[in-house]
Protein backbone atom coordinates (compact mmCIF):
# COMPACT_ATOMS: atom_id res chain seq x y z
CA MET A 1 -6.15 -82.02 14.76
CA ASN A 2 -5.83 -85.85 12.73
CA ILE A 3 -8.18 -88.35 12.91
CA LYS A 4 -6.22 -90.89 14.99
CA LYS A 5 -6.35 -88.12 17.81
CA ILE A 6 -9.77 -87.01 17.35
CA LEU A 7 -10.71 -90.87 17.55
CA LYS A 8 -8.60 -91.30 20.79
CA ALA A 9 -10.54 -88.45 21.85
CA GLY A 10 -13.47 -90.39 21.01
CA PHE A 11 -12.90 -93.07 22.77
CA ALA A 12 -11.81 -91.95 26.01
CA SER A 13 -15.19 -89.32 26.05
CA MET A 14 -17.59 -92.42 26.06
CA VAL A 15 -15.13 -94.91 28.23
CA LEU A 16 -15.60 -92.20 31.13
CA ALA A 17 -19.21 -91.50 30.46
CA SER A 18 -19.28 -95.08 30.87
CA GLY A 19 -17.68 -95.04 34.19
CA PHE A 20 -20.01 -92.08 35.16
CA ALA A 21 -22.99 -93.90 34.38
CA VAL A 22 -22.13 -96.83 36.02
CA ALA A 23 -20.95 -95.42 39.28
CA MET A 24 -24.21 -92.34 39.47
CA ASP A 25 -27.48 -94.02 39.40
CA ASP A 26 -29.21 -90.90 38.76
CA MET A 27 -26.79 -89.14 35.82
CA LYS A 28 -29.51 -87.87 32.97
CA PHE A 29 -29.38 -85.95 29.92
CA TYR A 30 -31.40 -83.05 29.24
CA VAL A 31 -32.19 -79.91 26.08
CA GLY A 32 -32.19 -76.26 26.47
CA ALA A 33 -32.51 -73.80 25.35
CA ASP A 34 -32.25 -69.96 26.60
CA ALA A 35 -33.37 -66.19 25.27
CA ASN A 36 -30.23 -63.42 26.63
CA LEU A 37 -30.12 -59.71 27.17
CA GLY A 38 -26.97 -58.53 27.22
CA SER A 39 -24.68 -55.77 26.86
CA TRP A 40 -20.97 -55.89 25.93
CA SER A 41 -17.79 -54.16 25.32
CA TYR A 42 -16.42 -53.79 22.75
CA ASN A 43 -13.11 -51.43 20.64
CA ASN A 44 -13.72 -48.08 19.82
CA SER A 45 -11.80 -49.14 16.48
CA LEU A 46 -9.25 -51.45 14.88
CA THR A 47 -7.83 -52.64 11.42
CA THR A 48 -10.23 -55.54 9.61
CA LYS A 49 -7.02 -57.00 7.74
CA ALA A 50 -3.62 -56.67 7.54
CA ASN A 51 -2.36 -53.05 5.54
CA ALA A 52 -6.10 -52.11 5.86
CA ALA A 53 -6.89 -48.55 7.40
CA PRO A 54 -9.26 -48.45 11.07
CA PHE A 55 -12.26 -47.71 11.23
CA SER A 56 -14.53 -46.29 14.13
CA TYR A 57 -17.86 -46.53 15.70
CA THR A 58 -18.23 -45.21 18.08
CA GLY A 59 -22.03 -44.38 18.84
CA GLY A 60 -23.13 -46.25 16.19
CA PHE A 61 -22.21 -49.84 17.36
CA LYS A 62 -25.53 -51.33 19.07
CA LYS A 63 -24.23 -52.48 22.98
CA ARG A 64 -27.18 -54.20 23.98
CA ASN A 65 -28.00 -57.23 21.79
CA THR A 66 -30.64 -60.81 22.39
CA SER A 67 -29.76 -63.96 21.60
CA LEU A 68 -31.11 -67.65 21.84
CA ASP A 69 -28.69 -70.37 23.18
CA LEU A 70 -29.53 -73.85 22.52
CA ASN A 71 -28.10 -76.43 24.85
CA VAL A 72 -27.74 -79.96 25.70
CA GLY A 73 -26.42 -80.94 28.86
CA THR A 74 -26.06 -84.04 31.44
CA LYS A 75 -26.35 -83.73 35.74
CA PHE A 76 -24.48 -86.52 37.12
CA ASN A 77 -25.65 -86.40 40.21
CA GLU A 78 -28.22 -84.04 41.95
CA TYR A 79 -25.21 -81.69 42.74
CA PHE A 80 -22.77 -81.75 39.49
CA GLY A 81 -22.99 -81.61 35.48
CA ALA A 82 -22.04 -80.26 32.29
CA GLU A 83 -23.20 -78.14 29.86
CA LEU A 84 -22.30 -77.82 25.62
CA GLY A 85 -24.25 -74.79 24.03
CA TYR A 86 -24.30 -72.79 20.79
CA GLY A 87 -25.21 -68.74 20.91
CA PHE A 88 -26.88 -66.79 18.11
CA PHE A 89 -26.58 -63.33 17.98
CA GLN A 90 -28.58 -60.52 16.70
CA LYS A 91 -26.84 -59.00 13.53
CA THR A 92 -26.40 -55.04 14.44
CA LYS A 93 -25.04 -52.59 12.63
CA LEU A 94 -21.66 -49.99 13.04
CA PHE A 95 -20.67 -46.57 11.79
CA ASN A 96 -17.91 -47.53 9.73
CA SER A 97 -15.88 -43.71 9.27
CA ALA A 98 -14.81 -44.88 5.62
CA GLY A 99 -18.71 -45.10 4.69
CA GLY A 100 -20.40 -47.83 3.91
CA ASN A 101 -22.83 -49.91 5.55
CA PRO A 102 -21.27 -53.14 7.22
CA ARG A 103 -23.15 -55.62 10.18
CA VAL A 104 -21.96 -57.54 12.67
CA LYS A 105 -23.16 -61.39 12.83
CA ALA A 106 -21.90 -63.03 16.10
CA SER A 107 -22.34 -66.14 17.58
CA ASN A 108 -20.76 -68.79 21.08
CA LEU A 109 -19.52 -72.16 21.00
CA HIS A 110 -19.47 -73.35 25.03
CA LEU A 111 -18.51 -76.01 27.60
CA ASP A 112 -19.28 -75.13 31.46
CA VAL A 113 -19.16 -77.20 34.57
CA MET A 114 -22.65 -76.77 36.27
CA GLY A 115 -22.85 -76.64 40.32
CA TYR A 116 -26.35 -77.19 41.58
CA ALA A 117 -26.95 -76.39 45.17
CA PRO A 118 -30.87 -77.45 46.81
CA VAL A 119 -32.57 -74.90 48.53
CA ALA A 120 -36.24 -76.72 48.53
CA ASP A 121 -37.66 -78.76 47.39
CA GLU A 122 -38.27 -77.51 43.66
CA TRP A 123 -35.24 -75.02 43.76
CA ASN A 124 -31.77 -74.80 43.01
CA LEU A 125 -29.33 -72.36 43.05
CA VAL A 126 -27.02 -72.38 39.90
CA GLY A 127 -23.01 -72.22 39.32
CA ALA A 128 -21.70 -72.28 35.78
CA LEU A 129 -17.64 -72.09 35.55
CA GLY A 130 -16.14 -72.95 31.83
CA VAL A 131 -14.81 -71.31 28.01
CA GLY A 132 -16.63 -70.03 25.47
CA ARG A 133 -15.38 -69.81 21.51
CA MET A 134 -16.77 -65.95 20.62
CA ASN A 135 -16.63 -65.83 16.54
CA THR A 136 -17.56 -62.15 15.38
CA LYS A 137 -17.56 -61.14 11.23
CA VAL A 138 -17.93 -58.26 10.08
CA THR A 139 -20.16 -57.87 6.28
CA SER A 140 -19.39 -55.68 3.96
CA ILE A 141 -15.53 -54.65 5.45
CA ASN A 142 -13.13 -58.06 3.25
CA ASN A 143 -15.56 -59.55 5.57
CA ASN A 144 -13.44 -60.24 7.89
CA THR A 145 -13.73 -62.77 11.12
CA LYS A 146 -11.84 -62.79 14.23
CA HIS A 147 -12.17 -65.58 17.04
CA LYS A 148 -11.66 -66.24 20.49
CA THR A 149 -12.15 -68.40 23.23
CA GLY A 150 -12.14 -66.69 27.34
CA VAL A 151 -13.12 -67.64 30.42
CA ARG A 152 -17.05 -67.22 31.34
CA VAL A 153 -18.61 -67.54 34.50
CA GLY A 154 -22.74 -67.64 35.19
CA ALA A 155 -24.85 -67.29 38.54
CA GLY A 156 -28.90 -68.32 39.02
CA VAL A 157 -31.49 -70.35 39.98
CA GLN A 158 -34.00 -73.05 38.70
CA TYR A 159 -37.14 -73.87 39.50
CA ALA A 160 -37.97 -77.74 38.29
CA PHE A 161 -41.95 -77.93 37.29
CA ASP A 162 -41.58 -81.67 37.46
CA ASP A 163 -38.95 -84.52 37.08
CA CYS A 164 -38.71 -82.83 33.37
CA LEU A 165 -39.37 -79.77 32.50
CA ALA A 166 -37.58 -76.92 34.89
CA ALA A 167 -37.04 -73.07 34.11
CA ARG A 168 -34.01 -71.12 35.07
CA LEU A 169 -32.83 -67.88 35.64
CA MET A 170 -28.99 -67.20 35.09
CA ALA A 171 -26.94 -63.83 35.27
CA ARG A 172 -23.26 -64.21 33.26
CA TYR A 173 -20.09 -63.05 32.16
CA GLN A 174 -17.59 -63.83 29.65
CA LYS A 175 -13.92 -62.37 28.34
CA VAL A 176 -13.74 -62.25 25.34
CA GLY A 177 -10.31 -60.43 23.94
CA ASN A 178 -8.12 -57.36 24.61
CA SER A 179 -6.20 -56.49 22.06
CA SER A 180 -6.23 -53.81 19.32
CA ASN A 181 -7.72 -55.93 16.82
CA GLN A 182 -10.88 -58.06 18.29
CA TYR A 183 -14.72 -56.53 17.83
CA VAL A 184 -15.97 -57.54 20.63
CA LYS A 185 -13.95 -57.45 24.55
CA SER A 186 -16.22 -58.80 26.65
CA LEU A 187 -19.75 -60.13 27.77
CA LYS A 188 -22.49 -59.80 30.09
CA SER A 189 -25.54 -61.49 29.66
CA ILE A 190 -28.80 -62.25 32.05
CA GLY A 191 -31.25 -65.25 30.02
CA LEU A 192 -34.03 -67.32 30.94
CA GLY A 193 -34.54 -70.33 29.82
CA LEU A 194 -36.20 -74.04 29.86
CA THR A 195 -34.83 -77.68 30.49
CA TYR A 196 -36.10 -80.62 29.42
CA SER A 197 -34.51 -83.85 30.98
CA PHE A 198 -34.58 -87.42 29.21
CA MET A 199 -35.44 -90.02 32.39
C-alpha cells in the first residue's frame, strides 16, 4: 500500500469518526485488558519451509495456552461499538521428530464490531464479530513464521461498576487456517477483562 492510499484511508476514518461523534452524543472511548485461557487445534505435522523435511509435534505441543489482550475501543451508543486489540500468547515448546528444542511464539491482532444488550441497570450481554490476524513463529527451526487472517466471534456478559469501570467475561472462537503448512487451525478461549471508559 502506498503513502497516498494510507493518507486517504486515514482522512476517511477521521471524517467518519467526526460524523459519528456529531450524530451520537453518548459516544465514548475506552481502553482495556483481557486475561484469557485458550485451547487451540493444530496440525500434527508440517513443512517449515520449501524443500524442508516435515516434523511432527504430536503429544509435544501444549494445547492449552494463556494470553493477554490489550484493547482500545469506542461505543457509538448504548448498543454498538468497535474494538481493536493485540494479544500476546504464552510461549510453548513442541516436540520435533528431527531433534532440537523448538518453541512456538504467537500473537494476534484483531478488530471486532461489538454489540450490547442491556438486561439490568449494570449488566449487558455482549456479542462480538470480527477478524483476527494470527502470527505464529517456530524458533530454532529456520525461524519460520506464518500469518493467517480468519473470522472470529464472541459472546459474554459485562458488569459496570460505575460510568467508567466495567468487567466482562467473554468466550471467543477464531478460525486460523486449515492448510498443511499452518501451525494453528483454530482457537477457542474464555477471558476475564476490565475496561476503563473516558467520559
